[in-house]
Amino acid sequence: STMAPAPSLSTTVAGVHLKTCIYNASGPRTGSSAALARIAASESGAVLTKSATLDAQTGNPQPRTWHEPDVAKGASLNSEGLPNSGIDYYLDSQTIADSMAADPSKPYMVSISGKTLADNIAMLKKIVNHTSRIAAIELNLACPNVIGKPIIAYDFEQLKNVLAEVTKVPGISKIPLGIKMPPYFDGVQFQLAAGIINAYSSSIGYVACINTIGNALAIDIVSEAPVIASNNGYAGLSGHAVKYTALANVRQMRTLLDDSIDVVGVGGVESGVDAFEMILCGANAVQVGTCHWKEGPKCFDRICMELREIMKNKGYSNIEEFRGKLQPWTKDGAKISRKARKSAEKATEAMGVATAGTKVGAFDTYMILSAVLAVCIGVLLADKFGFVELMV
């Protein structure tokens, strides 16, 4: 018999075709064509630039980034202050050619984060004149825009105003437009934000959820001071610690937004398991930021491989077969999962003897779980139909 083809990870985001649904988030390792070229050479489905400002800027003083020393806690902080080479650099044909040398067919996307609305409009006008090579724009609405005001997407009047002005830019409809959102934490916030975005559904192609969780603080207990130098130590929280907030934001936005607006999941993704969960919550694609920062672009190849393996084990041939199909909690589902976990724990213990000292990650645990899941389902079905007495 012939081997079944590997599951397809292809997707579309705002009408843009991606060979794989995993790509880089704007932020770490995206500032130069050399860094972007390494992403293009990986399995990343697209290449997204650093968030550009109108002029180049160096950002905040060092130290401005931090990783929790205990890797299991999966927390990182950054208060970079948007260091970047300026919008003209990211639109320059040489920058684009150098960035995309490994695979010119991949979508090259530009992220912008103007200091003011006027700056954002000026950058959008520049991009519209460079449409030939720019596959999409990601407008960062998760940053302060007016001194003394909240970040744009937390100030709903400002959000309305910014979207009204942005969508009036001549020619803007020629390029797919996405917006990067901060995390929301309250049901009413989700509804208000989605309502405003839906009013511009003819112009907005996707929403990326989430940016960092703002105003986190990490302390150096030896010096009794913050670990970050600027802004009194307050910084954006990212990494695995934010995954659960990100999943909720993806799910809420997918539920509340018009079907014509895609959702891109971002926040705490570092394995195929995490990516699968994002897609299950409704994401068309998944961005990877902090893991890319820590591991480098080989993370895209690894996460793609893990996601394909999960899909193969579950019998999915493409992501549309499970995207957005999060199931309600049931007693039967919980029973199957509990049984699988008990068996997986025993298998892990047995493995632990042979692989003492090595870390078993989410994907390894998943693979052990999936190996026993089929047996558990068989046992449960047999129990249901009275063939065996179930011992749980």
Foldseek 3Di string as FASTA:
>chain_A
DDDDDFFFQWFDFLNRTFRHQEAADADFQAAALVSLQLLLLESHRAGEHHAAEQAADQFDDPPFKAADPPVVLWKIWGRGRRGHHHLCCLLDPVSLCSSNVNPLVGAYAYEHEYLALVRVLVSLLVCLVSVPRHQAYEYEQCDCNDPPDHRQLVPLVSVLVSLVVNQPRPNLQVHAYEYEAAFDDDPVSLQSSQVSVQVVLSRHREYEDHDFHWFDFDADVVVRATNGDPPRRTGGMFALNCLVSQLVSLLSNQVRHDPRYAYETETHDQALVSQLSSQLSAHRHYHYYVNCNVPNSVSSVHRSVLVSVLCVLVVHNYSVVRGPNDDDDDPVVVQLQVVLLVQLVVVVVVVCVVVPPDDQDPSNSVVSSSVCSVVSVVVVVCVVVPNDPDDD
